[in-house]
N, C-alpha and C. Protein backbone atom coordinates (compact mmCIF):
# COMPACT_ATOMS: atom_id res chain seq x y z
N MET A 1 0.75 -0.97 -0.09
CA MET A 1 0.04 0.30 -0.13
C MET A 1 0.89 1.36 -0.20
N ILE A 2 0.70 1.92 -0.87
CA ILE A 2 1.34 3.23 -1.09
C ILE A 2 0.61 4.31 -0.39
N THR A 3 1.50 4.79 0.68
CA THR A 3 0.92 6.26 1.45
C THR A 3 1.14 7.93 0.50
N THR A 4 0.03 8.36 0.20
CA THR A 4 0.35 9.46 -0.49
C THR A 4 -0.96 10.28 -0.12
N ASN A 5 -0.66 11.83 -0.59
CA ASN A 5 -1.70 12.74 -0.49
C ASN A 5 -2.66 12.71 -1.62
N PRO A 6 -3.90 12.75 -0.88
CA PRO A 6 -4.82 12.51 -2.20
C PRO A 6 -4.64 13.62 -2.74
N LEU A 7 -5.76 13.46 -4.33
CA LEU A 7 -5.67 14.72 -5.22
C LEU A 7 -6.38 15.95 -4.88
N THR A 8 -6.13 16.90 -5.00
CA THR A 8 -7.00 17.78 -3.85
C THR A 8 -7.69 18.47 -5.21
N THR A 9 -8.81 19.31 -4.94
CA THR A 9 -9.76 19.86 -5.15
C THR A 9 -9.55 20.42 -6.60
N GLU A 10 -8.57 21.03 -6.57
CA GLU A 10 -7.92 21.70 -7.84
C GLU A 10 -7.51 20.89 -8.72
N GLU A 11 -7.00 19.75 -8.26
CA GLU A 11 -5.81 18.67 -9.02
C GLU A 11 -7.31 17.85 -10.19
N LEU A 12 -8.23 17.50 -9.13
CA LEU A 12 -9.50 17.30 -9.29
C LEU A 12 -9.99 17.96 -11.05
N ALA A 13 -10.31 18.92 -10.61
CA ALA A 13 -11.10 19.60 -11.28
C ALA A 13 -10.29 20.09 -12.80
N LEU A 14 -8.69 19.83 -12.88
CA LEU A 14 -8.17 19.91 -14.00
C LEU A 14 -8.05 18.51 -14.60
N ILE A 15 -8.24 17.94 -13.98
CA ILE A 15 -8.63 16.47 -14.93
C ILE A 15 -10.25 16.64 -15.23
N PHE A 16 -11.19 16.53 -14.57
CA PHE A 16 -12.51 16.44 -15.36
C PHE A 16 -13.25 17.46 -15.95
N GLU A 17 -11.92 19.14 -16.13
CA GLU A 17 -12.28 19.64 -16.81
C GLU A 17 -13.30 19.03 -18.46
N GLY A 18 -12.86 18.21 -18.55
CA GLY A 18 -12.76 17.38 -20.00
C GLY A 18 -13.46 15.94 -19.59
N ASP A 19 -13.83 15.31 -20.78
CA ASP A 19 -13.85 14.07 -21.03
C ASP A 19 -12.69 13.44 -21.36
N GLN A 20 -12.33 11.70 -21.53
CA GLN A 20 -11.56 11.14 -22.27
C GLN A 20 -11.27 11.79 -23.35
N THR A 21 -12.31 12.12 -24.20
CA THR A 21 -12.28 12.32 -25.94
C THR A 21 -11.67 13.78 -25.55
N GLN A 22 -10.89 14.45 -24.52
CA GLN A 22 -11.16 16.18 -24.64
C GLN A 22 -9.25 16.31 -23.72
N ALA A 23 -8.10 16.74 -25.07
CA ALA A 23 -6.93 17.32 -24.47
C ALA A 23 -6.72 18.11 -23.49
N MET A 24 -6.31 18.05 -22.70
CA MET A 24 -5.99 18.97 -21.49
C MET A 24 -4.89 20.10 -22.14
N TYR A 25 -4.81 20.98 -21.37
CA TYR A 25 -4.17 22.61 -21.80
C TYR A 25 -2.74 22.02 -21.51
N VAL A 26 -1.98 22.21 -22.14
CA VAL A 26 -0.21 21.85 -21.98
C VAL A 26 0.57 23.22 -21.47
N TYR A 27 1.25 23.25 -20.23
CA TYR A 27 1.50 23.98 -19.34
C TYR A 27 2.61 24.60 -20.45
N GLN A 28 3.29 26.12 -20.32
CA GLN A 28 4.44 26.50 -21.25
C GLN A 28 5.29 26.95 -20.29
N ASP A 29 6.49 26.93 -20.55
CA ASP A 29 7.60 27.72 -19.76
C ASP A 29 7.57 29.16 -20.28
N SER A 30 6.64 29.98 -21.21
CA SER A 30 7.25 31.30 -21.34
C SER A 30 6.01 31.66 -20.70
N ILE A 31 4.97 31.30 -20.22
CA ILE A 31 4.21 31.93 -19.03
C ILE A 31 4.74 31.23 -17.35
N PRO A 32 5.00 32.69 -16.56
CA PRO A 32 5.61 32.67 -15.31
C PRO A 32 5.06 31.39 -14.40
N ALA A 33 3.76 31.93 -14.29
CA ALA A 33 3.05 30.88 -13.08
C ALA A 33 2.89 29.19 -13.86
N GLU A 34 3.13 28.81 -15.22
CA GLU A 34 3.27 27.51 -15.47
C GLU A 34 4.65 27.41 -15.44
N LEU A 35 5.38 28.03 -15.47
CA LEU A 35 6.50 27.45 -15.51
C LEU A 35 7.22 27.07 -14.08
N GLU A 36 6.45 27.98 -12.88
CA GLU A 36 6.54 27.52 -11.95
C GLU A 36 6.27 26.12 -11.43
N VAL A 37 4.94 25.64 -12.20
CA VAL A 37 4.60 24.46 -11.92
C VAL A 37 5.42 23.28 -12.71
N LEU A 38 5.74 23.81 -13.85
CA LEU A 38 7.15 22.97 -14.54
C LEU A 38 8.11 22.76 -13.74
N LYS A 39 8.60 23.94 -13.16
CA LYS A 39 9.73 23.52 -12.40
C LYS A 39 9.84 23.20 -10.76
N ALA A 40 8.68 22.69 -10.38
CA ALA A 40 8.47 21.65 -9.12
C ALA A 40 9.02 21.11 -9.31
N ASN A 41 9.00 20.09 -8.02
CA ASN A 41 9.22 18.76 -7.67
C ASN A 41 7.64 18.16 -7.54
N CYS A 42 7.56 17.02 -8.22
CA CYS A 42 6.67 16.40 -7.83
C CYS A 42 6.17 15.25 -6.75
N GLU A 43 4.64 15.10 -6.24
CA GLU A 43 5.02 13.98 -4.96
C GLU A 43 4.37 12.97 -5.98
N GLU A 44 4.10 11.73 -5.32
CA GLU A 44 3.55 10.53 -5.46
C GLU A 44 1.98 10.39 -5.70
N ILE A 45 1.98 9.74 -6.08
CA ILE A 45 0.08 10.04 -6.67
C ILE A 45 -0.24 8.04 -5.90
N ASP A 46 -1.53 8.22 -6.01
CA ASP A 46 -2.46 6.91 -5.49
C ASP A 46 -2.25 6.40 -6.33
N PRO A 47 -1.51 4.79 -7.31
CA PRO A 47 -2.05 4.07 -8.26
C PRO A 47 -3.51 3.34 -8.44
N GLU A 48 -3.76 3.75 -6.86
CA GLU A 48 -5.57 2.86 -7.16
C GLU A 48 -6.84 3.82 -7.19
N ASP A 49 -6.17 5.02 -7.02
CA ASP A 49 -7.06 6.09 -7.03
C ASP A 49 -8.21 5.63 -8.26
N ALA A 50 -9.10 5.95 -7.78
CA ALA A 50 -10.07 5.77 -9.50
C ALA A 50 -9.70 6.68 -10.46
N ASN A 51 -9.37 7.80 -9.97
CA ASN A 51 -9.28 9.46 -10.76
C ASN A 51 -7.87 9.30 -11.50
N VAL A 52 -7.34 8.36 -11.22
CA VAL A 52 -5.64 8.30 -12.10
C VAL A 52 -6.09 7.55 -13.74
N LYS A 53 -6.78 6.90 -13.55
CA LYS A 53 -7.53 6.50 -14.65
C LYS A 53 -7.88 7.68 -15.80
N MET A 54 -8.47 8.50 -15.18
CA MET A 54 -9.04 9.83 -16.29
C MET A 54 -8.32 10.18 -16.69
N LEU A 55 -6.94 10.63 -15.38
CA LEU A 55 -6.16 11.47 -16.20
C LEU A 55 -5.03 10.80 -16.82
N ILE A 56 -4.65 9.49 -16.91
CA ILE A 56 -3.95 9.04 -17.93
C ILE A 56 -5.03 8.83 -19.16
N ALA A 57 -6.09 8.65 -19.70
CA ALA A 57 -6.50 9.04 -20.14
C ALA A 57 -6.71 10.58 -20.85
N ARG A 58 -7.25 11.04 -20.33
CA ARG A 58 -6.74 13.01 -20.96
C ARG A 58 -5.09 13.31 -21.41
N MET A 59 -4.45 12.58 -20.67
CA MET A 59 -2.90 12.65 -21.17
C MET A 59 -2.91 12.09 -22.14
N TYR A 60 -2.96 10.81 -22.65
CA TYR A 60 -3.08 10.29 -24.13
C TYR A 60 -3.52 10.92 -24.85
N LYS A 61 -4.64 11.54 -24.36
CA LYS A 61 -5.27 12.30 -25.62
C LYS A 61 -4.57 13.30 -25.83
N THR A 62 -3.95 14.46 -25.12
CA THR A 62 -3.22 15.52 -25.05
C THR A 62 -1.41 15.18 -26.16
N VAL A 63 -1.27 14.26 -25.61
CA VAL A 63 0.04 13.75 -26.07
C VAL A 63 -0.10 13.41 -27.81
N THR A 64 -1.11 12.70 -28.04
CA THR A 64 -1.52 12.57 -29.57
C THR A 64 -2.67 13.07 -30.15
N ASP A 65 -2.64 14.61 -29.74
CA ASP A 65 -3.55 15.36 -30.07
C ASP A 65 -2.93 16.06 -31.94
N GLY A 66 -3.04 15.66 -32.51
CA GLY A 66 -2.95 16.14 -33.94
C GLY A 66 -1.80 16.86 -34.03
N ASP A 67 -1.95 18.14 -34.38
CA ASP A 67 -0.36 18.83 -34.85
C ASP A 67 1.03 19.16 -33.59
N ARG A 68 -0.08 18.62 -32.28
CA ARG A 68 0.92 19.02 -31.16
C ARG A 68 0.93 17.70 -30.60
N ALA A 69 1.18 16.81 -31.38
CA ALA A 69 1.77 15.18 -31.05
C ALA A 69 2.80 15.14 -30.63
N GLY A 70 3.61 14.55 -29.20
CA GLY A 70 4.32 14.03 -28.76
C GLY A 70 5.00 12.58 -28.67
N VAL A 71 6.04 12.30 -27.77
CA VAL A 71 6.49 10.80 -27.68
C VAL A 71 6.63 10.39 -26.27
N GLY A 72 5.56 11.69 -25.53
CA GLY A 72 5.97 11.26 -23.91
C GLY A 72 5.20 12.64 -23.55
N ILE A 73 4.78 12.55 -22.34
CA ILE A 73 4.29 14.00 -21.36
C ILE A 73 4.24 13.65 -20.27
N ALA A 74 4.34 14.61 -18.94
CA ALA A 74 3.94 13.74 -17.76
C ALA A 74 3.19 15.09 -17.21
N ALA A 75 2.58 14.32 -15.72
CA ALA A 75 1.74 15.53 -15.49
C ALA A 75 1.86 16.80 -15.16
N PRO A 76 3.27 17.29 -14.36
CA PRO A 76 3.22 18.35 -14.95
C PRO A 76 3.08 19.52 -15.79
N GLN A 77 3.33 18.63 -16.94
CA GLN A 77 2.50 19.08 -18.26
C GLN A 77 1.45 20.15 -18.02
N VAL A 78 0.64 19.20 -17.45
CA VAL A 78 -1.00 19.54 -18.13
C VAL A 78 -1.51 20.07 -16.59
N GLY A 79 -0.39 20.57 -15.60
CA GLY A 79 -0.91 21.39 -14.34
C GLY A 79 -0.56 20.34 -12.96
N LEU A 80 -0.51 19.04 -12.70
CA LEU A 80 -0.24 18.46 -11.83
C LEU A 80 0.99 17.76 -11.80
N ASN A 81 1.50 18.41 -10.02
CA ASN A 81 2.66 18.08 -10.03
C ASN A 81 2.48 16.79 -8.84
N ARG A 82 2.45 15.97 -9.73
CA ARG A 82 2.22 13.98 -9.51
C ARG A 82 3.29 13.34 -10.26
N ARG A 83 3.76 12.55 -9.59
CA ARG A 83 5.09 11.55 -10.33
C ARG A 83 3.91 10.61 -11.44
N LEU A 84 3.78 10.83 -12.62
CA LEU A 84 2.92 10.17 -13.67
C LEU A 84 3.40 10.79 -14.82
N PHE A 85 4.02 9.70 -15.68
CA PHE A 85 3.85 9.90 -17.49
C PHE A 85 3.62 9.24 -17.94
N LEU A 86 3.49 9.45 -19.09
CA LEU A 86 3.19 8.55 -20.47
C LEU A 86 4.42 8.67 -21.08
N VAL A 87 4.72 7.21 -22.01
CA VAL A 87 5.50 7.06 -22.89
C VAL A 87 5.39 6.24 -24.20
N LYS A 88 5.67 7.06 -25.55
CA LYS A 88 5.78 6.10 -26.63
C LYS A 88 6.63 4.82 -26.97
N ARG A 89 6.05 3.47 -26.75
CA ARG A 89 7.36 2.68 -26.56
C ARG A 89 8.18 2.27 -28.02
N PHE A 90 8.43 2.71 -28.42
CA PHE A 90 9.48 2.88 -29.60
C PHE A 90 10.23 1.24 -29.96
N ASP A 91 10.35 0.90 -28.67
CA ASP A 91 10.95 -0.77 -28.22
C ASP A 91 10.01 -1.70 -28.23
N LYS A 92 8.89 -1.61 -28.56
CA LYS A 92 7.89 -2.73 -28.70
C LYS A 92 7.12 -2.66 -29.80
N ALA A 93 6.60 -4.06 -30.12
CA ALA A 93 5.47 -3.99 -31.41
C ALA A 93 4.65 -3.02 -31.12
N ASN A 94 4.31 -2.35 -32.51
CA ASN A 94 3.02 -1.50 -32.84
C ASN A 94 3.45 0.20 -31.60
N GLU A 95 4.67 0.22 -31.42
CA GLU A 95 4.93 1.46 -30.54
C GLU A 95 3.92 2.07 -29.15
N PRO A 96 3.45 1.40 -28.70
CA PRO A 96 2.30 1.46 -27.83
C PRO A 96 2.68 2.74 -26.81
N PHE A 97 1.70 3.76 -26.16
CA PHE A 97 1.94 4.80 -25.35
C PHE A 97 1.64 3.31 -23.93
N GLU A 98 2.44 3.75 -23.07
CA GLU A 98 2.15 3.30 -21.65
C GLU A 98 3.06 4.33 -20.56
N PHE A 99 2.11 4.09 -19.32
CA PHE A 99 1.94 5.22 -18.53
C PHE A 99 2.98 4.35 -17.48
N PHE A 100 3.33 5.10 -16.19
CA PHE A 100 4.59 4.55 -15.53
C PHE A 100 3.91 5.80 -14.34
N ILE A 101 3.48 5.18 -13.37
CA ILE A 101 3.08 5.79 -12.16
C ILE A 101 3.80 5.65 -10.91
N ASN A 102 4.31 6.87 -10.45
CA ASN A 102 5.42 6.92 -9.19
C ASN A 102 7.07 6.32 -9.95
N PRO A 103 6.96 6.52 -10.81
CA PRO A 103 8.43 6.01 -11.57
C PRO A 103 9.74 6.43 -10.87
N GLN A 104 10.59 5.59 -11.01
CA GLN A 104 12.17 5.68 -10.45
C GLN A 104 13.34 5.12 -11.14
N ILE A 105 13.95 6.37 -11.53
CA ILE A 105 14.79 5.78 -12.84
C ILE A 105 16.40 5.17 -11.67
N ILE A 106 16.47 4.08 -11.71
CA ILE A 106 17.51 3.26 -10.42
C ILE A 106 18.95 3.15 -10.98
N TRP A 107 19.01 2.97 -12.26
CA TRP A 107 20.29 2.93 -12.51
C TRP A 107 20.24 3.45 -14.04
N TYR A 108 21.34 4.03 -14.28
CA TYR A 108 21.96 4.81 -15.62
C TYR A 108 23.05 4.35 -16.18
N SER A 109 22.94 3.48 -17.24
CA SER A 109 24.09 3.52 -17.74
C SER A 109 25.56 4.75 -18.14
N SER A 110 26.57 4.60 -17.72
CA SER A 110 27.78 5.39 -18.27
C SER A 110 27.66 5.75 -19.74
N LEU A 111 27.47 4.55 -20.48
CA LEU A 111 27.52 5.18 -22.03
C LEU A 111 26.72 5.79 -22.03
N LEU A 112 26.44 7.06 -22.95
CA LEU A 112 25.41 7.92 -23.44
C LEU A 112 25.13 8.04 -24.90
N GLN A 113 24.21 8.28 -25.25
CA GLN A 113 23.88 9.11 -26.75
C GLN A 113 23.62 10.51 -26.98
N GLN A 114 23.99 10.69 -28.16
CA GLN A 114 23.24 12.39 -28.36
C GLN A 114 22.51 12.46 -29.33
N GLY A 115 21.26 12.97 -28.55
CA GLY A 115 20.14 13.15 -29.79
C GLY A 115 19.48 14.66 -29.48
N GLU A 116 18.62 14.34 -30.67
CA GLU A 116 17.97 15.90 -30.69
C GLU A 116 16.89 15.75 -29.97
N GLU A 117 16.28 16.85 -29.21
CA GLU A 117 14.89 16.90 -28.36
C GLU A 117 14.07 17.92 -28.44
N GLY A 118 12.79 18.08 -27.96
CA GLY A 118 11.99 19.44 -28.26
C GLY A 118 10.94 19.01 -27.04
N CYS A 119 9.99 19.67 -26.75
CA CYS A 119 8.96 19.54 -25.19
C CYS A 119 7.78 20.68 -25.95
N LEU A 120 6.79 19.46 -25.30
CA LEU A 120 5.28 20.26 -25.60
C LEU A 120 4.99 21.35 -25.09
N SER A 121 6.07 21.83 -23.77
CA SER A 121 5.84 23.10 -22.94
C SER A 121 6.61 23.68 -23.32
N ILE A 122 7.92 23.98 -24.11
CA ILE A 122 8.78 24.41 -24.85
C ILE A 122 8.39 24.71 -26.57
N GLU A 123 8.00 25.71 -26.99
CA GLU A 123 7.43 26.04 -28.22
C GLU A 123 8.88 26.03 -29.12
N ASN A 124 9.04 25.57 -29.96
CA ASN A 124 9.86 25.85 -31.37
C ASN A 124 11.18 25.92 -30.92
N ARG A 125 11.57 24.79 -29.95
CA ARG A 125 13.00 24.78 -29.43
C ARG A 125 13.69 23.36 -29.58
N TYR A 126 14.41 22.85 -30.30
CA TYR A 126 14.59 21.62 -30.62
C TYR A 126 16.27 21.90 -30.36
N ASP A 127 16.94 21.06 -29.85
CA ASP A 127 18.44 20.98 -29.61
C ASP A 127 19.06 19.58 -29.23
N THR A 128 20.25 19.81 -29.05
CA THR A 128 20.98 18.54 -28.91
C THR A 128 21.19 17.99 -27.00
N VAL A 129 20.98 16.77 -26.62
CA VAL A 129 21.11 16.88 -25.49
C VAL A 129 21.48 15.44 -25.25
N TYR A 130 22.73 14.94 -24.38
CA TYR A 130 23.10 13.94 -23.84
C TYR A 130 22.26 13.04 -23.08
N ARG A 131 22.02 11.75 -23.03
CA ARG A 131 21.33 10.83 -22.43
C ARG A 131 22.18 9.67 -21.92
N SER A 132 21.48 9.01 -21.13
CA SER A 132 22.14 7.81 -21.20
C SER A 132 21.72 6.35 -21.77
N LEU A 133 22.52 5.82 -22.56
CA LEU A 133 21.82 4.76 -23.57
C LEU A 133 20.74 3.67 -23.18
N ALA A 134 20.53 3.62 -21.89
CA ALA A 134 19.89 2.35 -20.97
C ALA A 134 19.92 2.77 -19.92
N VAL A 135 18.35 2.78 -19.13
CA VAL A 135 18.65 2.93 -17.53
C VAL A 135 17.44 1.74 -17.26
N GLN A 136 18.01 1.63 -16.04
CA GLN A 136 16.76 0.53 -15.29
C GLN A 136 15.75 0.97 -14.53
N ILE A 137 14.37 1.34 -14.64
CA ILE A 137 13.26 1.94 -14.11
C ILE A 137 12.46 0.92 -13.29
N THR A 138 11.83 1.62 -12.15
CA THR A 138 10.55 1.03 -11.36
C THR A 138 9.66 1.90 -11.43
N TYR A 139 8.08 1.16 -11.42
CA TYR A 139 7.11 1.96 -11.46
C TYR A 139 5.96 0.78 -11.13
N PHE A 140 4.88 1.48 -11.26
CA PHE A 140 3.91 1.15 -10.88
C PHE A 140 2.49 1.16 -11.90
N ASP A 141 1.36 0.12 -11.50
CA ASP A 141 0.19 0.26 -12.59
C ASP A 141 -0.92 0.72 -11.33
N LEU A 142 -2.44 0.82 -12.42
CA LEU A 142 -3.28 1.31 -11.85
C LEU A 142 -3.78 -0.38 -10.52
N GLU A 143 -3.45 -1.02 -10.40
CA GLU A 143 -3.96 -2.00 -9.44
C GLU A 143 -2.90 -1.78 -8.17
N GLY A 144 -1.65 -1.38 -8.48
CA GLY A 144 -0.61 -1.07 -7.85
C GLY A 144 0.41 -2.10 -7.53
N ASN A 145 0.70 -2.66 -8.76
CA ASN A 145 1.29 -3.97 -8.70
C ASN A 145 3.00 -2.90 -9.06
N HIS A 146 4.22 -3.39 -8.82
CA HIS A 146 5.49 -2.69 -8.70
C HIS A 146 6.26 -3.43 -9.62
N TYR A 147 6.28 -2.65 -10.62
CA TYR A 147 7.35 -3.50 -11.84
C TYR A 147 8.62 -2.57 -12.34
N GLN A 148 9.57 -4.05 -12.79
CA GLN A 148 11.06 -3.14 -12.75
C GLN A 148 11.16 -3.72 -14.14
N GLU A 149 12.11 -2.64 -15.02
CA GLU A 149 12.89 -3.09 -16.27
C GLU A 149 13.58 -1.96 -16.83
N VAL A 150 14.52 -2.85 -17.61
CA VAL A 150 15.49 -2.36 -18.55
C VAL A 150 15.12 -2.14 -19.69
N VAL A 151 15.20 -0.47 -19.41
CA VAL A 151 15.28 0.18 -21.32
C VAL A 151 16.17 0.75 -21.99
N GLU A 152 16.46 0.78 -23.21
CA GLU A 152 17.61 1.18 -23.93
C GLU A 152 17.04 2.16 -25.51
N GLY A 153 17.82 2.74 -25.56
CA GLY A 153 17.94 3.36 -27.24
C GLY A 153 16.85 4.66 -27.04
N TYR A 154 16.33 4.88 -27.98
CA TYR A 154 14.97 6.10 -28.33
C TYR A 154 14.12 6.35 -26.90
N THR A 155 13.67 4.74 -26.68
CA THR A 155 12.54 5.28 -25.32
C THR A 155 13.34 5.14 -24.06
N ALA A 156 14.33 4.90 -23.80
CA ALA A 156 15.05 5.18 -22.67
C ALA A 156 15.22 6.63 -22.76
N VAL A 157 15.60 7.49 -23.61
CA VAL A 157 15.74 8.79 -23.95
C VAL A 157 14.35 9.14 -23.38
N ILE A 158 13.69 9.08 -23.85
CA ILE A 158 12.15 9.66 -23.62
C ILE A 158 11.88 9.91 -22.12
N MET A 159 12.12 8.31 -21.69
CA MET A 159 11.73 8.28 -20.28
C MET A 159 12.79 8.91 -19.38
N GLN A 160 13.68 9.58 -19.76
CA GLN A 160 14.30 10.28 -19.07
C GLN A 160 14.08 11.38 -18.64
N HIS A 161 13.40 12.22 -20.20
CA HIS A 161 13.19 13.51 -20.37
C HIS A 161 12.18 13.62 -19.49
N GLU A 162 11.23 12.70 -19.44
CA GLU A 162 10.18 12.66 -18.77
C GLU A 162 10.44 12.26 -17.35
N TYR A 163 11.16 11.92 -17.03
CA TYR A 163 11.47 11.53 -15.45
C TYR A 163 12.03 13.14 -14.70
N ASP A 164 12.72 13.78 -15.83
CA ASP A 164 13.02 15.16 -15.37
C ASP A 164 12.10 16.00 -15.50
N HIS A 165 11.01 15.93 -16.08
CA HIS A 165 9.87 16.64 -15.85
C HIS A 165 9.35 16.73 -14.13
N LEU A 166 9.52 15.14 -13.75
CA LEU A 166 8.98 15.03 -12.34
C LEU A 166 9.72 15.50 -11.22
N ASN A 167 11.14 16.25 -11.53
CA ASN A 167 11.67 16.42 -10.66
C ASN A 167 12.13 18.20 -11.11
N GLY A 168 11.08 18.60 -11.79
CA GLY A 168 11.29 20.38 -12.37
C GLY A 168 12.29 20.64 -13.10
N VAL A 169 12.98 19.30 -13.59
CA VAL A 169 13.99 20.08 -14.81
C VAL A 169 13.83 19.68 -16.25
N LEU A 170 13.80 20.73 -16.78
CA LEU A 170 13.53 21.24 -18.27
C LEU A 170 14.69 20.70 -19.38
N PHE A 171 14.40 20.06 -20.75
CA PHE A 171 15.74 19.73 -21.73
C PHE A 171 16.58 20.82 -21.70
N THR A 172 16.10 22.08 -21.58
CA THR A 172 16.52 23.22 -21.70
C THR A 172 17.75 23.46 -20.33
N ASP A 173 17.24 22.84 -19.38
CA ASP A 173 18.37 22.66 -18.35
C ASP A 173 19.48 21.94 -18.53
N ARG A 174 19.16 20.52 -18.86
CA ARG A 174 20.22 19.28 -19.11
C ARG A 174 21.08 20.25 -20.29
N ILE A 175 20.75 20.75 -21.18
CA ILE A 175 21.60 21.61 -22.39
C ILE A 175 22.73 22.83 -21.70
N GLU A 176 21.98 23.20 -20.69
CA GLU A 176 23.21 24.02 -19.97
C GLU A 176 24.01 23.69 -18.82
N GLU A 177 23.63 22.54 -18.39
CA GLU A 177 24.58 21.94 -17.44
C GLU A 177 25.66 20.85 -18.31
N GLN A 178 25.17 20.64 -19.61
CA GLN A 178 25.98 20.06 -20.22
C GLN A 178 26.94 21.29 -21.16
N MET A 179 26.69 22.50 -21.18
CA MET A 179 27.64 22.90 -22.50
C MET A 179 28.97 23.07 -21.71
N ASN A 180 29.49 22.78 -20.55
CA ASN A 180 30.90 22.65 -20.03
C ASN A 180 31.65 20.94 -19.56
N CYS A 181 30.90 20.17 -20.25
CA CYS A 181 31.12 19.03 -19.76
C CYS A 181 32.05 18.62 -21.39
N GLN A 182 32.86 17.61 -21.25
CA GLN A 182 33.69 17.29 -22.14
C GLN A 182 33.29 15.51 -22.32
N TYR A 183 32.73 15.24 -23.36
CA TYR A 183 32.55 13.81 -24.02
C TYR A 183 33.20 13.31 -24.64
N GLU A 184 33.55 11.83 -24.39
CA GLU A 184 34.89 11.26 -25.13
C GLU A 184 33.78 10.16 -26.29
N ASP A 185 34.36 9.86 -27.33
CA ASP A 185 33.70 9.02 -28.32
C ASP A 185 33.80 7.57 -27.66
N ALA A 186 32.68 6.85 -28.06
CA ALA A 186 33.13 5.17 -27.62
C ALA A 186 33.96 4.36 -28.84
N THR A 187 34.64 4.14 -28.72
CA THR A 187 35.47 2.87 -29.38
C THR A 187 34.89 1.72 -29.86
N LEU A 188 35.58 1.14 -30.65
CA LEU A 188 35.41 -0.17 -30.68
C LEU A 188 35.77 -1.17 -29.64
N GLU A 189 36.43 -0.68 -28.64
CA GLU A 189 36.60 -1.19 -27.25
C GLU A 189 35.71 -0.96 -26.33
N THR A 190 35.02 -0.03 -26.30
CA THR A 190 34.47 0.38 -25.44
C THR A 190 33.02 -0.62 -25.00
N PRO A 191 33.46 -1.11 -23.75
CA PRO A 191 32.41 -2.23 -23.46
C PRO A 191 30.78 -1.99 -23.97
N LEU A 192 30.34 -2.83 -24.33
CA LEU A 192 28.63 -2.32 -24.27
C LEU A 192 27.53 -2.98 -23.58
N VAL A 193 28.12 -4.18 -22.90
CA VAL A 193 27.52 -5.18 -22.60
C VAL A 193 27.03 -4.30 -20.69
N TYR A 194 26.11 -3.94 -20.52
CA TYR A 194 26.35 -3.83 -19.11
C TYR A 194 25.31 -4.96 -17.52
N GLU A 195 25.69 -4.77 -16.56
CA GLU A 195 24.63 -5.24 -15.37
C GLU A 195 23.98 -4.84 -15.10
N VAL A 196 22.93 -5.42 -14.54
CA VAL A 196 21.99 -4.57 -13.79
C VAL A 196 22.16 -5.46 -12.20
C-alpha cells in the first residue's frame, strides 16, 4: 500500500475539466505561473485512486492530439505536480503508449547517446542533449503492482526526459549543464554490455 496525499480539489478540477476524448491544456515555460509548476518537484500519486485512470486517458489524448502530438508527456505539463508520465514505446511492437506511475530511474548507463529533443511545454525549441543509452526503471500500474525493467535506445531517452519533468528539470536545463562538459566518443573497445 502506497501512502500518498489524495488529489486536491484543484487537481480533480483539472482532470475533470473535460472527458477522455478531450485534450488537456499544456503548460508553457514562457508563462511565469506555468513555469513555476513545470519547475516544481512532484509528489507521488495513489495508483489505485479511480481518478488516475481518467488522468491517464486525458494525458494520452493530449500527447496524441494532432499537430502538437509528442512521444511523451508528464503530469506537470498538464498542471498536476504528481509523479506520472506516458511514453511511446518505440522498443515494443506497434509502438504503444504506456503509463508509469511513481516511476524511479534506479540505474543509468555510463554510455551516453546524443540526440535532438523538443518539448510540448517549450515552443519551437529543439536542441541536442546527451542521455544515458539505457536505464533501469521501477513503477506501478493502476492496481498498485510494482514493476522493474531495463529500457534502451530512444525509448530510454524519452523516459529520462519525462522523468526529469517530475523533478522540475526541463531539457533546456540539461543543455545548460552539459555545455561545459567534455564527452569522449565510444570506440570499438568500449564495452556495450552492462550488468543490472
